[in-house]
Amino acid sequence: MAVKTRREKRIIRHKRIRKKVFGTAERPRMAFFKSLNNLYVQIIDDEKGHTLVSASTIDKDFTEKYGIKGGKNIEIAKKLGEFIAEKALAKGIENVVFDRGGFIYHGKVKAFADAAREKGLKF
C-alpha cells in the first residue's frame, strides 16, 4: 500500500463528504476551498446545479471593501466569512449546509465558519 499525500487524503475526505452533503433551494450547500494563495466559497443549489452566491479573496468587491488583495490567513478567512454571509442574506439565503471540502475543521476553516455564523448564516 502506497503512502498517500496530504492532498490525496483531503480529496478522499472530500469525496466521502460529498456523498452525504447535498444542497437544495431552501438550504443550499456552502462549499469552501483554499488554494495555495487564496480562499474561495460558493453557495450552490445542487438540485439545479447553479451557483447562487460566490466570493473569494481575489473577488473585486471583497478587495475594494476590505482593501486586501489575495492572501489566506485567519483574519482574511474571518472577513471572507462575514462577506459571504452579507451577500447570502442580501439574496434571502439564511440556512445553508457547510461543505468544508475535505479540509479539517480547524484554523482558517473554523474562523471562516464562525464569522459567517456571527453575521447571521445558520448551519
PDB file of N, CA and C in Angstrom:
ATOM      1  N   MET A   1       0.847  -1.180   0.000  1.00  0.00           N
ATOM      2  CA  MET A   1       0.000   0.000   0.000  1.00  0.00           C
ATOM      3  C   MET A   1       0.889   1.238   0.000  1.00  0.00           C
ATOM      4  N   ALA A   2       0.672   2.105  -0.945  1.00  0.00           N
ATOM      5  CA  ALA A   2       1.484   3.311  -1.080  1.00  0.00           C
ATOM      6  C   ALA A   2       1.054   4.363  -0.064  1.00  0.00           C
ATOM      7  N   VAL A   3       1.988   5.199   0.310  1.00  0.00           N
ATOM      8  CA  VAL A   3       1.702   6.286   1.242  1.00  0.00           C
ATOM      9  C   VAL A   3       0.996   7.399   0.475  1.00  0.00           C
ATOM     10  N   LYS A   4      -0.105   7.899   1.043  1.00  0.00           N
ATOM     11  CA  LYS A   4      -0.861   8.955   0.385  1.00  0.00           C
ATOM     12  C   LYS A   4      -0.390  10.318   0.880  1.00  0.00           C
ATOM     13  N   THR A   5      -0.382  11.283  -0.013  1.00  0.00           N
ATOM     14  CA  THR A   5      -0.002  12.636   0.367  1.00  0.00           C
ATOM     15  C   THR A   5      -1.165  13.307   1.088  1.00  0.00           C
ATOM     16  N   ARG A   6      -0.890  14.447   1.697  1.00  0.00           N
ATOM     17  CA  ARG A   6      -1.939  15.195   2.388  1.00  0.00           C
ATOM     18  C   ARG A   6      -3.048  15.594   1.420  1.00  0.00           C
ATOM     19  N   ARG A   7      -2.653  15.968   0.196  1.00  0.00           N
ATOM     20  CA  ARG A   7      -3.637  16.383  -0.809  1.00  0.00           C
ATOM     21  C   ARG A   7      -4.533  15.208  -1.201  1.00  0.00           C
ATOM     22  N   GLU A   8      -3.947  14.042  -1.398  1.00  0.00           N
ATOM     23  CA  GLU A   8      -4.735  12.861  -1.754  1.00  0.00           C
ATOM     24  C   GLU A   8      -5.699  12.485  -0.632  1.00  0.00           C
ATOM     25  N   LYS A   9      -5.256  12.608   0.610  1.00  0.00           N
ATOM     26  CA  LYS A   9      -6.133  12.317   1.744  1.00  0.00           C
ATOM     27  C   LYS A   9      -7.288  13.302   1.816  1.00  0.00           C
ATOM     28  N   ARG A  10      -7.010  14.583   1.512  1.00  0.00           N
ATOM     29  CA  ARG A  10      -8.066  15.599   1.524  1.00  0.00           C
ATOM     30  C   ARG A  10      -9.104  15.294   0.450  1.00  0.00           C
ATOM     31  N   ILE A  11      -8.649  14.889  -0.721  1.00  0.00           N
ATOM     32  CA  ILE A  11      -9.570  14.576  -1.813  1.00  0.00           C
ATOM     33  C   ILE A  11     -10.450  13.380  -1.445  1.00  0.00           C
ATOM     34  N   ILE A  12      -9.889  12.381  -0.785  1.00  0.00           N
ATOM     35  CA  ILE A  12     -10.675  11.232  -0.333  1.00  0.00           C
ATOM     36  C   ILE A  12     -11.729  11.680   0.673  1.00  0.00           C
ATOM     37  N   ARG A  13     -11.336  12.533   1.640  1.00  0.00           N
ATOM     38  CA  ARG A  13     -12.302  13.058   2.612  1.00  0.00           C
ATOM     39  C   ARG A  13     -13.394  13.848   1.910  1.00  0.00           C
ATOM     40  N   HIS A  14     -13.005  14.663   0.924  1.00  0.00           N
ATOM     41  CA  HIS A  14     -13.968  15.492   0.204  1.00  0.00           C
ATOM     42  C   HIS A  14     -15.000  14.624  -0.523  1.00  0.00           C
ATOM     43  N   LYS A  15     -14.549  13.574  -1.181  1.00  0.00           N
ATOM     44  CA  LYS A  15     -15.477  12.676  -1.876  1.00  0.00           C
ATOM     45  C   LYS A  15     -16.430  12.004  -0.897  1.00  0.00           C
ATOM     46  N   ARG A  16     -15.929  11.609   0.254  1.00  0.00           N
ATOM     47  CA  ARG A  16     -16.766  10.976   1.266  1.00  0.00           C
ATOM     48  C   ARG A  16     -17.822  11.951   1.783  1.00  0.00           C
ATOM     49  N   ILE A  17     -17.422  13.209   1.998  1.00  0.00           N
ATOM     50  CA  ILE A  17     -18.350  14.227   2.479  1.00  0.00           C
ATOM     51  C   ILE A  17     -19.408  14.534   1.423  1.00  0.00           C
ATOM     52  N   ARG A  18     -19.000  14.615   0.156  1.00  0.00           N
ATOM     53  CA  ARG A  18     -19.927  14.982  -0.920  1.00  0.00           C
ATOM     54  C   ARG A  18     -21.009  13.924  -1.137  1.00  0.00           C
ATOM     55  N   LYS A  19     -20.764  12.692  -0.718  1.00  0.00           N
ATOM     56  CA  LYS A  19     -21.801  11.669  -0.810  1.00  0.00           C
ATOM     57  C   LYS A  19     -22.949  11.985   0.138  1.00  0.00           C
ATOM     58  N   LYS A  20     -22.652  12.677   1.228  1.00  0.00           N
ATOM     59  CA  LYS A  20     -23.641  12.938   2.268  1.00  0.00           C
ATOM     60  C   LYS A  20     -24.228  14.342   2.205  1.00  0.00           C
ATOM     61  N   VAL A  21     -23.441  15.323   1.783  1.00  0.00           N
ATOM     62  CA  VAL A  21     -23.864  16.725   1.809  1.00  0.00           C
ATOM     63  C   VAL A  21     -24.477  17.085   0.465  1.00  0.00           C
ATOM     64  N   PHE A  22     -25.730  17.580   0.504  1.00  0.00           N
ATOM     65  CA  PHE A  22     -26.437  17.952  -0.718  1.00  0.00           C
ATOM     66  C   PHE A  22     -27.215  19.228  -0.456  1.00  0.00           C
ATOM     67  N   GLY A  23     -27.096  20.194  -1.344  1.00  0.00           N
ATOM     68  CA  GLY A  23     -27.778  21.469  -1.180  1.00  0.00           C
ATOM     69  C   GLY A  23     -29.064  21.529  -1.976  1.00  0.00           C
ATOM     70  N   THR A  24     -30.098  22.117  -1.380  1.00  0.00           N
ATOM     71  CA  THR A  24     -31.379  22.313  -2.053  1.00  0.00           C
ATOM     72  C   THR A  24     -31.624  23.806  -2.207  1.00  0.00           C
ATOM     73  N   ALA A  25     -32.749  24.160  -2.818  1.00  0.00           N
ATOM     74  CA  ALA A  25     -33.077  25.576  -2.979  1.00  0.00           C
ATOM     75  C   ALA A  25     -33.349  26.221  -1.621  1.00  0.00           C
ATOM     76  N   GLU A  26     -33.967  25.469  -0.700  1.00  0.00           N
ATOM     77  CA  GLU A  26     -34.269  26.006   0.630  1.00  0.00           C
ATOM     78  C   GLU A  26     -33.021  26.069   1.509  1.00  0.00           C
ATOM     79  N   ARG A  27     -32.136  25.092   1.325  1.00  0.00           N
ATOM     80  CA  ARG A  27     -30.921  25.013   2.139  1.00  0.00           C
ATOM     81  C   ARG A  27     -29.740  24.648   1.241  1.00  0.00           C
ATOM     82  N   PRO A  28     -29.172  25.645   0.542  1.00  0.00           N
ATOM     83  CA  PRO A  28     -28.084  25.356  -0.398  1.00  0.00           C
ATOM     84  C   PRO A  28     -26.781  24.981   0.308  1.00  0.00           C
ATOM     85  N   ARG A  29     -25.875  24.410  -0.464  1.00  0.00           N
ATOM     86  CA  ARG A  29     -24.578  23.970   0.053  1.00  0.00           C
ATOM     87  C   ARG A  29     -23.573  25.109  -0.050  1.00  0.00           C
ATOM     88  N   MET A  30     -22.865  25.384   1.045  1.00  0.00           N
ATOM     89  CA  MET A  30     -21.808  26.390   1.042  1.00  0.00           C
ATOM     90  C   MET A  30     -20.473  25.647   0.957  1.00  0.00           C
ATOM     91  N   ALA A  31     -19.865  25.680  -0.225  1.00  0.00           N
ATOM     92  CA  ALA A  31     -18.625  24.944  -0.489  1.00  0.00           C
ATOM     93  C   ALA A  31     -17.430  25.859  -0.258  1.00  0.00           C
ATOM     94  N   PHE A  32     -16.504  25.418   0.574  1.00  0.00           N
ATOM     95  CA  PHE A  32     -15.309  26.179   0.929  1.00  0.00           C
ATOM     96  C   PHE A  32     -14.102  25.506   0.292  1.00  0.00           C
ATOM     97  N   PHE A  33     -13.183  26.318  -0.248  1.00  0.00           N
ATOM     98  CA  PHE A  33     -11.957  25.786  -0.841  1.00  0.00           C
ATOM     99  C   PHE A  33     -10.818  26.746  -0.562  1.00  0.00           C
ATOM    100  N   LYS A  34      -9.665  26.202  -0.226  1.00  0.00           N
ATOM    101  CA  LYS A  34      -8.478  27.038  -0.067  1.00  0.00           C
ATOM    102  C   LYS A  34      -7.380  26.508  -0.975  1.00  0.00           C
ATOM    103  N   SER A  35      -6.840  27.413  -1.779  1.00  0.00           N
ATOM    104  CA  SER A  35      -5.738  27.057  -2.663  1.00  0.00           C
ATOM    105  C   SER A  35      -4.438  27.470  -1.984  1.00  0.00           C
ATOM    106  N   LEU A  36      -3.361  27.440  -2.724  1.00  0.00           N
ATOM    107  CA  LEU A  36      -2.069  27.813  -2.164  1.00  0.00           C
ATOM    108  C   LEU A  36      -2.050  29.274  -1.714  1.00  0.00           C
ATOM    109  N   ASN A  37      -2.739  30.151  -2.458  1.00  0.00           N
ATOM    110  CA  ASN A  37      -2.667  31.580  -2.166  1.00  0.00           C
ATOM    111  C   ASN A  37      -3.980  32.233  -1.776  1.00  0.00           C
ATOM    112  N   ASN A  38      -5.119  31.628  -2.054  1.00  0.00           N
ATOM    113  CA  ASN A  38      -6.397  32.299  -1.857  1.00  0.00           C
ATOM    114  C   ASN A  38      -7.443  31.379  -1.258  1.00  0.00           C
ATOM    115  N   LEU A  39      -8.562  31.995  -0.834  1.00  0.00           N
ATOM    116  CA  LEU A  39      -9.714  31.278  -0.305  1.00  0.00           C
ATOM    117  C   LEU A  39     -10.902  31.526  -1.223  1.00  0.00           C
ATOM    118  N   TYR A  40     -11.735  30.512  -1.410  1.00  0.00           N
ATOM    119  CA  TYR A  40     -12.903  30.616  -2.275  1.00  0.00           C
ATOM    120  C   TYR A  40     -14.101  29.998  -1.566  1.00  0.00           C
ATOM    121  N   VAL A  41     -15.286  30.558  -1.801  1.00  0.00           N
ATOM    122  CA  VAL A  41     -16.511  29.986  -1.246  1.00  0.00           C
ATOM    123  C   VAL A  41     -17.645  30.207  -2.244  1.00  0.00           C
ATOM    124  N   GLN A  42     -18.500  29.190  -2.375  1.00  0.00           N
ATOM    125  CA  GLN A  42     -19.668  29.276  -3.242  1.00  0.00           C
ATOM    126  C   GLN A  42     -20.868  28.735  -2.488  1.00  0.00           C
ATOM    127  N   ILE A  43     -22.021  29.343  -2.723  1.00  0.00           N
ATOM    128  CA  ILE A  43     -23.274  28.805  -2.208  1.00  0.00           C
ATOM    129  C   ILE A  43     -24.016  28.244  -3.414  1.00  0.00           C
ATOM    130  N   ILE A  44     -24.271  26.928  -3.387  1.00  0.00           N
ATOM    131  CA  ILE A  44     -24.710  26.192  -4.567  1.00  0.00           C
ATOM    132  C   ILE A  44     -26.037  25.482  -4.308  1.00  0.00           C
ATOM    133  N   ASP A  45     -26.950  25.582  -5.288  1.00  0.00           N
ATOM    134  CA  ASP A  45     -28.173  24.787  -5.303  1.00  0.00           C
ATOM    135  C   ASP A  45     -27.865  23.542  -6.132  1.00  0.00           C
ATOM    136  N   ASP A  46     -27.683  22.408  -5.480  1.00  0.00           N
ATOM    137  CA  ASP A  46     -27.278  21.186  -6.178  1.00  0.00           C
ATOM    138  C   ASP A  46     -28.404  20.580  -7.012  1.00  0.00           C
ATOM    139  N   GLU A  47     -29.663  20.885  -6.692  1.00  0.00           N
ATOM    140  CA  GLU A  47     -30.770  20.356  -7.481  1.00  0.00           C
ATOM    141  C   GLU A  47     -30.730  20.908  -8.903  1.00  0.00           C
ATOM    142  N   LYS A  48     -30.458  22.194  -9.034  1.00  0.00           N
ATOM    143  CA  LYS A  48     -30.385  22.837 -10.346  1.00  0.00           C
ATOM    144  C   LYS A  48     -28.959  22.893 -10.876  1.00  0.00           C
ATOM    145  N   GLY A  49     -27.986  22.765  -9.990  1.00  0.00           N
ATOM    146  CA  GLY A  49     -26.589  22.864 -10.396  1.00  0.00           C
ATOM    147  C   GLY A  49     -26.151  24.297 -10.623  1.00  0.00           C
ATOM    148  N   HIS A  50     -26.762  25.237  -9.888  1.00  0.00           N
ATOM    149  CA  HIS A  50     -26.452  26.654 -10.055  1.00  0.00           C
ATOM    150  C   HIS A  50     -25.735  27.205  -8.838  1.00  0.00           C
ATOM    151  N   THR A  51     -24.786  28.087  -9.086  1.00  0.00           N
ATOM    152  CA  THR A  51     -24.145  28.829  -8.009  1.00  0.00           C
ATOM    153  C   THR A  51     -24.995  30.054  -7.727  1.00  0.00           C
ATOM    154  N   LEU A  52     -25.456  30.191  -6.488  1.00  0.00           N
ATOM    155  CA  LEU A  52     -26.320  31.307  -6.116  1.00  0.00           C
ATOM    156  C   LEU A  52     -25.505  32.525  -5.707  1.00  0.00           C
ATOM    157  N   VAL A  53     -24.454  32.311  -4.921  1.00  0.00           N
ATOM    158  CA  VAL A  53     -23.586  33.387  -4.436  1.00  0.00           C
ATOM    159  C   VAL A  53     -22.167  32.845  -4.402  1.00  0.00           C
ATOM    160  N   SER A  54     -21.206  33.697  -4.733  1.00  0.00           N
ATOM    161  CA  SER A  54     -19.809  33.277  -4.623  1.00  0.00           C
ATOM    162  C   SER A  54     -18.967  34.443  -4.137  1.00  0.00           C
ATOM    163  N   ALA A  55     -17.829  34.111  -3.551  1.00  0.00           N
ATOM    164  CA  ALA A  55     -16.883  35.126  -3.087  1.00  0.00           C
ATOM    165  C   ALA A  55     -15.512  34.482  -2.978  1.00  0.00           C
ATOM    166  N   SER A  56     -14.502  35.303  -3.072  1.00  0.00           N
ATOM    167  CA  SER A  56     -13.135  34.824  -2.890  1.00  0.00           C
ATOM    168  C   SER A  56     -12.276  35.987  -2.427  1.00  0.00           C
ATOM    169  N   THR A  57     -11.057  35.677  -2.042  1.00  0.00           N
ATOM    170  CA  THR A  57     -10.160  36.737  -1.588  1.00  0.00           C
ATOM    171  C   THR A  57      -9.620  37.553  -2.742  1.00  0.00           C
ATOM    172  N   ILE A  58      -9.861  37.121  -3.973  1.00  0.00           N
ATOM    173  CA  ILE A  58      -9.451  37.919  -5.131  1.00  0.00           C
ATOM    174  C   ILE A  58     -10.653  38.534  -5.845  1.00  0.00           C
ATOM    175  N   ASP A  59     -11.833  38.399  -5.248  1.00  0.00           N
ATOM    176  CA  ASP A  59     -13.048  38.995  -5.787  1.00  0.00           C
ATOM    177  C   ASP A  59     -12.943  40.520  -5.716  1.00  0.00           C
ATOM    178  N   LYS A  60     -13.369  41.204  -6.759  1.00  0.00           N
ATOM    179  CA  LYS A  60     -13.224  42.657  -6.834  1.00  0.00           C
ATOM    180  C   LYS A  60     -13.969  43.359  -5.696  1.00  0.00           C
ATOM    181  N   ASP A  61     -15.194  42.923  -5.408  1.00  0.00           N
ATOM    182  CA  ASP A  61     -15.972  43.545  -4.330  1.00  0.00           C
ATOM    183  C   ASP A  61     -15.292  43.352  -2.971  1.00  0.00           C
ATOM    184  N   PHE A  62     -14.743  42.168  -2.748  1.00  0.00           N
ATOM    185  CA  PHE A  62     -14.068  41.879  -1.480  1.00  0.00           C
ATOM    186  C   PHE A  62     -12.820  42.740  -1.311  1.00  0.00           C
ATOM    187  N   THR A  63     -12.017  42.844  -2.369  1.00  0.00           N
ATOM    188  CA  THR A  63     -10.774  43.616  -2.272  1.00  0.00           C
ATOM    189  C   THR A  63     -11.053  45.100  -2.091  1.00  0.00           C
ATOM    190  N   GLU A  64     -12.127  45.604  -2.709  1.00  0.00           N
ATOM    191  CA  GLU A  64     -12.473  47.018  -2.536  1.00  0.00           C
ATOM    192  C   GLU A  64     -12.992  47.292  -1.131  1.00  0.00           C
ATOM    193  N   LYS A  65     -13.803  46.380  -0.594  1.00  0.00           N
ATOM    194  CA  LYS A  65     -14.395  46.599   0.724  1.00  0.00           C
ATOM    195  C   LYS A  65     -13.355  46.538   1.842  1.00  0.00           C
ATOM    196  N   TYR A  66     -12.463  45.564   1.785  1.00  0.00           N
ATOM    197  CA  TYR A  66     -11.511  45.357   2.874  1.00  0.00           C
ATOM    198  C   TYR A  66     -10.101  45.852   2.560  1.00  0.00           C
ATOM    199  N   GLY A  67      -9.835  46.234   1.338  1.00  0.00           N
ATOM    200  CA  GLY A  67      -8.507  46.717   0.974  1.00  0.00           C
ATOM    201  C   GLY A  67      -7.445  45.636   0.996  1.00  0.00           C
ATOM    202  N   ILE A  68      -7.867  44.398   0.791  1.00  0.00           N
ATOM    203  CA  ILE A  68      -6.950  43.257   0.813  1.00  0.00           C
ATOM    204  C   ILE A  68      -7.006  42.598  -0.557  1.00  0.00           C
ATOM    205  N   LYS A  69      -5.850  42.338  -1.133  1.00  0.00           N
ATOM    206  CA  LYS A  69      -5.838  41.623  -2.413  1.00  0.00           C
ATOM    207  C   LYS A  69      -5.162  40.279  -2.204  1.00  0.00           C
ATOM    208  N   GLY A  70      -5.960  39.228  -2.236  1.00  0.00           N
ATOM    209  CA  GLY A  70      -5.428  37.886  -2.069  1.00  0.00           C
ATOM    210  C   GLY A  70      -5.057  37.590  -0.628  1.00  0.00           C
ATOM    211  N   GLY A  71      -4.408  36.479  -0.439  1.00  0.00           N
ATOM    212  CA  GLY A  71      -3.982  36.071   0.891  1.00  0.00           C
ATOM    213  C   GLY A  71      -4.925  35.053   1.488  1.00  0.00           C
ATOM    214  N   LYS A  72      -4.460  34.395   2.558  1.00  0.00           N
ATOM    215  CA  LYS A  72      -5.320  33.384   3.169  1.00  0.00           C
ATOM    216  C   LYS A  72      -4.981  33.119   4.631  1.00  0.00           C
ATOM    217  N   ASN A  73      -4.746  34.170   5.403  1.00  0.00           N
ATOM    218  CA  ASN A  73      -4.531  33.931   6.826  1.00  0.00           C
ATOM    219  C   ASN A  73      -5.875  33.896   7.562  1.00  0.00           C
ATOM    220  N   ILE A  74      -5.844  33.707   8.867  1.00  0.00           N
ATOM    221  CA  ILE A  74      -7.075  33.541   9.636  1.00  0.00           C
ATOM    222  C   ILE A  74      -7.909  34.817   9.632  1.00  0.00           C
ATOM    223  N   GLU A  75      -7.281  35.977   9.707  1.00  0.00           N
ATOM    224  CA  GLU A  75      -8.030  37.239   9.688  1.00  0.00           C
ATOM    225  C   GLU A  75      -8.771  37.417   8.365  1.00  0.00           C
ATOM    226  N   ILE A  76      -8.126  37.081   7.275  1.00  0.00           N
ATOM    227  CA  ILE A  76      -8.772  37.190   5.966  1.00  0.00           C
ATOM    228  C   ILE A  76      -9.914  36.175   5.860  1.00  0.00           C
ATOM    229  N   ALA A  77      -9.744  34.988   6.433  1.00  0.00           N
ATOM    230  CA  ALA A  77     -10.810  33.982   6.428  1.00  0.00           C
ATOM    231  C   ALA A  77     -12.033  34.497   7.182  1.00  0.00           C
ATOM    232  N   LYS A  78     -11.814  35.188   8.304  1.00  0.00           N
ATOM    233  CA  LYS A  78     -12.933  35.773   9.055  1.00  0.00           C
ATOM    234  C   LYS A  78     -13.662  36.813   8.211  1.00  0.00           C
ATOM    235  N   LYS A  79     -12.906  37.664   7.547  1.00  0.00           N
ATOM    236  CA  LYS A  79     -13.520  38.706   6.722  1.00  0.00           C
ATOM    237  C   LYS A  79     -14.282  38.100   5.549  1.00  0.00           C
ATOM    238  N   LEU A  80     -13.757  37.020   4.973  1.00  0.00           N
ATOM    239  CA  LEU A  80     -14.455  36.349   3.881  1.00  0.00           C
ATOM    240  C   LEU A  80     -15.758  35.723   4.385  1.00  0.00           C
ATOM    241  N   GLY A  81     -15.750  35.182   5.595  1.00  0.00           N
ATOM    242  CA  GLY A  81     -16.971  34.633   6.186  1.00  0.00           C
ATOM    243  C   GLY A  81     -18.033  35.695   6.381  1.00  0.00           C
ATOM    244  N   GLU A  82     -17.619  36.866   6.866  1.00  0.00           N
ATOM    245  CA  GLU A  82     -18.560  37.975   7.031  1.00  0.00           C
ATOM    246  C   GLU A  82     -19.097  38.423   5.677  1.00  0.00           C
ATOM    247  N   PHE A  83     -18.209  38.495   4.688  1.00  0.00           N
ATOM    248  CA  PHE A  83     -18.571  38.978   3.355  1.00  0.00           C
ATOM    249  C   PHE A  83     -19.583  38.054   2.676  1.00  0.00           C
ATOM    250  N   ILE A  84     -19.342  36.735   2.728  1.00  0.00           N
ATOM    251  CA  ILE A  84     -20.268  35.803   2.079  1.00  0.00           C
ATOM    252  C   ILE A  84     -21.603  35.779   2.808  1.00  0.00           C
ATOM    253  N   ALA A  85     -21.589  35.943   4.132  1.00  0.00           N
ATOM    254  CA  ALA A  85     -22.845  35.972   4.887  1.00  0.00           C
ATOM    255  C   ALA A  85     -23.678  37.186   4.483  1.00  0.00           C
ATOM    256  N   GLU A  86     -23.035  38.342   4.336  1.00  0.00           N
ATOM    257  CA  GLU A  86     -23.756  39.547   3.917  1.00  0.00           C
ATOM    258  C   GLU A  86     -24.355  39.366   2.526  1.00  0.00           C
ATOM    259  N   LYS A  87     -23.573  38.791   1.596  1.00  0.00           N
ATOM    260  CA  LYS A  87     -24.074  38.572   0.236  1.00  0.00           C
ATOM    261  C   LYS A  87     -25.231  37.571   0.227  1.00  0.00           C
ATOM    262  N   ALA A  88     -25.127  36.515   1.029  1.00  0.00           N
ATOM    263  CA  ALA A  88     -26.176  35.497   1.068  1.00  0.00           C
ATOM    264  C   ALA A  88     -27.455  36.061   1.675  1.00  0.00           C
ATOM    265  N   LEU A  89     -27.330  36.791   2.771  1.00  0.00           N
ATOM    266  CA  LEU A  89     -28.511  37.367   3.408  1.00  0.00           C
ATOM    267  C   LEU A  89     -29.181  38.388   2.498  1.00  0.00           C
ATOM    268  N   ALA A  90     -28.401  39.112   1.703  1.00  0.00           N
ATOM    269  CA  ALA A  90     -28.967  40.070   0.753  1.00  0.00           C
ATOM    270  C   ALA A  90     -29.788  39.356  -0.324  1.00  0.00           C
ATOM    271  N   LYS A  91     -29.423  38.108  -0.646  1.00  0.00           N
ATOM    272  CA  LYS A  91     -30.172  37.321  -1.632  1.00  0.00           C
ATOM    273  C   LYS A  91     -31.279  36.495  -0.987  1.00  0.00           C
ATOM    274  N   GLY A  92     -31.463  36.621   0.322  1.00  0.00           N
ATOM    275  CA  GLY A  92     -32.523  35.895   1.009  1.00  0.00           C
ATOM    276  C   GLY A  92     -32.153  34.486   1.434  1.00  0.00           C
ATOM    277  N   ILE A  93     -30.875  34.179   1.486  1.00  0.00           N
ATOM    278  CA  ILE A  93     -30.410  32.848   1.907  1.00  0.00           C
ATOM    279  C   ILE A  93     -29.983  32.943   3.367  1.00  0.00           C
ATOM    280  N   GLU A  94     -30.696  32.206   4.243  1.00  0.00           N
ATOM    281  CA  GLU A  94     -30.367  32.231   5.671  1.00  0.00           C
ATOM    282  C   GLU A  94     -29.793  30.906   6.159  1.00  0.00           C
ATOM    283  N   ASN A  95     -30.280  29.799   5.610  1.00  0.00           N
ATOM    284  CA  ASN A  95     -29.849  28.466   6.031  1.00  0.00           C
ATOM    285  C   ASN A  95     -29.019  27.820   4.932  1.00  0.00           C
ATOM    286  N   VAL A  96     -27.874  27.260   5.307  1.00  0.00           N
ATOM    287  CA  VAL A  96     -27.004  26.573   4.355  1.00  0.00           C
ATOM    288  C   VAL A  96     -26.487  25.281   4.975  1.00  0.00           C
ATOM    289  N   VAL A  97     -25.943  24.422   4.130  1.00  0.00           N
ATOM    290  CA  VAL A  97     -25.236  23.217   4.563  1.00  0.00           C
ATOM    291  C   VAL A  97     -23.761  23.482   4.297  1.00  0.00           C
ATOM    292  N   PHE A  98     -22.912  23.326   5.299  1.00  0.00           N
ATOM    293  CA  PHE A  98     -21.496  23.660   5.156  1.00  0.00           C
ATOM    294  C   PHE A  98     -20.722  22.469   4.610  1.00  0.00           C
ATOM    295  N   ASP A  99     -20.051  22.683   3.479  1.00  0.00           N
ATOM    296  CA  ASP A  99     -19.185  21.682   2.857  1.00  0.00           C
ATOM    297  C   ASP A  99     -17.755  22.193   3.001  1.00  0.00           C
ATOM    298  N   ARG A 100     -17.001  21.599   3.923  1.00  0.00           N
ATOM    299  CA  ARG A 100     -15.654  22.087   4.206  1.00  0.00           C
ATOM    300  C   ARG A 100     -14.633  21.604   3.183  1.00  0.00           C
ATOM    301  N   GLY A 101     -15.066  20.845   2.201  1.00  0.00           N
ATOM    302  CA  GLY A 101     -14.201  20.441   1.099  1.00  0.00           C
ATOM    303  C   GLY A 101     -13.093  19.480   1.479  1.00  0.00           C
ATOM    304  N   GLY A 102     -13.283  18.710   2.540  1.00  0.00           N
ATOM    305  CA  GLY A 102     -12.254  17.768   2.961  1.00  0.00           C
ATOM    306  C   GLY A 102     -11.196  18.377   3.856  1.00  0.00           C
ATOM    307  N   PHE A 103     -11.259  19.694   4.056  1.00  0.00           N
ATOM    308  CA  PHE A 103     -10.294  20.349   4.937  1.00  0.00           C
ATOM    309  C   PHE A 103     -10.707  20.121   6.386  1.00  0.00           C
ATOM    310  N   ILE A 104      -9.742  19.982   7.258  1.00  0.00           N
ATOM    311  CA  ILE A 104     -10.009  19.756   8.670  1.00  0.00           C
ATOM    312  C   ILE A 104     -10.619  21.013   9.269  1.00  0.00           C
ATOM    313  N   TYR A 105     -11.644  20.839  10.110  1.00  0.00           N
ATOM    314  CA  TYR A 105     -12.359  21.966  10.707  1.00  0.00           C
ATOM    315  C   TYR A 105     -11.504  22.564  11.824  1.00  0.00           C
ATOM    316  N   HIS A 106     -10.537  23.394  11.415  1.00  0.00           N
ATOM    317  CA  HIS A 106      -9.589  23.992  12.338  1.00  0.00           C
ATOM    318  C   HIS A 106      -8.947  25.161  11.629  1.00  0.00           C
ATOM    319  N   GLY A 107      -8.496  26.150  12.362  1.00  0.00           N
ATOM    320  CA  GLY A 107      -7.766  27.262  11.760  1.00  0.00           C
ATOM    321  C   GLY A 107      -8.625  28.114  10.857  1.00  0.00           C
ATOM    322  N   LYS A 108      -8.241  28.220   9.585  1.00  0.00           N
ATOM    323  CA  LYS A 108      -8.931  29.087   8.625  1.00  0.00           C
ATOM    324  C   LYS A 108     -10.370  28.648   8.381  1.00  0.00           C
ATOM    325  N   VAL A 109     -10.603  27.342   8.297  1.00  0.00           N
ATOM    326  CA  VAL A 109     -11.951  26.833   8.045  1.00  0.00           C
ATOM    327  C   VAL A 109     -12.861  27.176   9.217  1.00  0.00           C
ATOM    328  N   LYS A 110     -12.383  26.985  10.426  1.00  0.00           N
ATOM    329  CA  LYS A 110     -13.172  27.291  11.620  1.00  0.00           C
ATOM    330  C   LYS A 110     -13.405  28.788  11.746  1.00  0.00           C
ATOM    331  N   ALA A 111     -12.395  29.601  11.485  1.00  0.00           N
ATOM    332  CA  ALA A 111     -12.536  31.055  11.560  1.00  0.00           C
ATOM    333  C   ALA A 111     -13.556  31.546  10.540  1.00  0.00           C
ATOM    334  N   PHE A 112     -13.511  30.995   9.328  1.00  0.00           N
ATOM    335  CA  PHE A 112     -14.470  31.351   8.287  1.00  0.00           C
ATOM    336  C   PHE A 112     -15.891  31.004   8.723  1.00  0.00           C
ATOM    337  N   ALA A 113     -16.089  29.776   9.208  1.00  0.00           N
ATOM    338  CA  ALA A 113     -17.422  29.313   9.595  1.00  0.00           C
ATOM    339  C   ALA A 113     -17.972  30.121  10.767  1.00  0.00           C
ATOM    340  N   ASP A 114     -17.143  30.402  11.765  1.00  0.00           N
ATOM    341  CA  ASP A 114     -17.593  31.174  12.923  1.00  0.00           C
ATOM    342  C   ASP A 114     -18.002  32.588  12.528  1.00  0.00           C
ATOM    343  N   ALA A 115     -17.246  33.219  11.638  1.00  0.00           N
ATOM    344  CA  ALA A 115     -17.567  34.578  11.195  1.00  0.00           C
ATOM    345  C   ALA A 115     -18.873  34.597  10.407  1.00  0.00           C
ATOM    346  N   ALA A 116     -19.099  33.588   9.575  1.00  0.00           N
ATOM    347  CA  ALA A 116     -20.345  33.521   8.806  1.00  0.00           C
ATOM    348  C   ALA A 116     -21.537  33.320   9.741  1.00  0.00           C
ATOM    349  N   ARG A 117     -21.353  32.499  10.778  1.00  0.00           N
ATOM    350  CA  ARG A 117     -22.431  32.294  11.754  1.00  0.00           C
ATOM    351  C   ARG A 117     -22.730  33.577  12.526  1.00  0.00           C
ATOM    352  N   GLU A 118     -21.691  34.309  12.909  1.00  0.00           N
ATOM    353  CA  GLU A 118     -21.884  35.552  13.662  1.00  0.00           C
ATOM    354  C   GLU A 118     -22.666  36.585  12.858  1.00  0.00           C
ATOM    355  N   LYS A 119     -22.486  36.578  11.540  1.00  0.00           N
ATOM    356  CA  LYS A 119     -23.189  37.537  10.675  1.00  0.00           C
ATOM    357  C   LYS A 119     -24.615  37.110  10.356  1.00  0.00           C
ATOM    358  N   GLY A 120     -25.017  35.904  10.770  1.00  0.00           N
ATOM    359  CA  GLY A 120     -26.417  35.528  10.613  1.00  0.00           C
ATOM    360  C   GLY A 120     -26.714  34.293   9.782  1.00  0.00           C
ATOM    361  N   LEU A 121     -25.718  33.674   9.154  1.00  0.00           N
ATOM    362  CA  LEU A 121     -25.975  32.432   8.423  1.00  0.00           C
ATOM    363  C   LEU A 121     -26.164  31.294   9.419  1.00  0.00           C
ATOM    364  N   LYS A 122     -27.102  30.407   9.123  1.00  0.00           N
ATOM    365  CA  LYS A 122     -27.373  29.285  10.019  1.00  0.00           C
ATOM    366  C   LYS A 122     -26.937  27.990   9.350  1.00  0.00           C
ATOM    367  N   PHE A 123     -26.030  27.274  10.012  1.00  0.00           N
ATOM    368  CA  PHE A 123     -25.600  25.947   9.566  1.00  0.00           C
ATOM    369  C   PHE A 123     -24.978  25.204  10.706  1.00  0.00           C
TER     370      PHE A 123
END
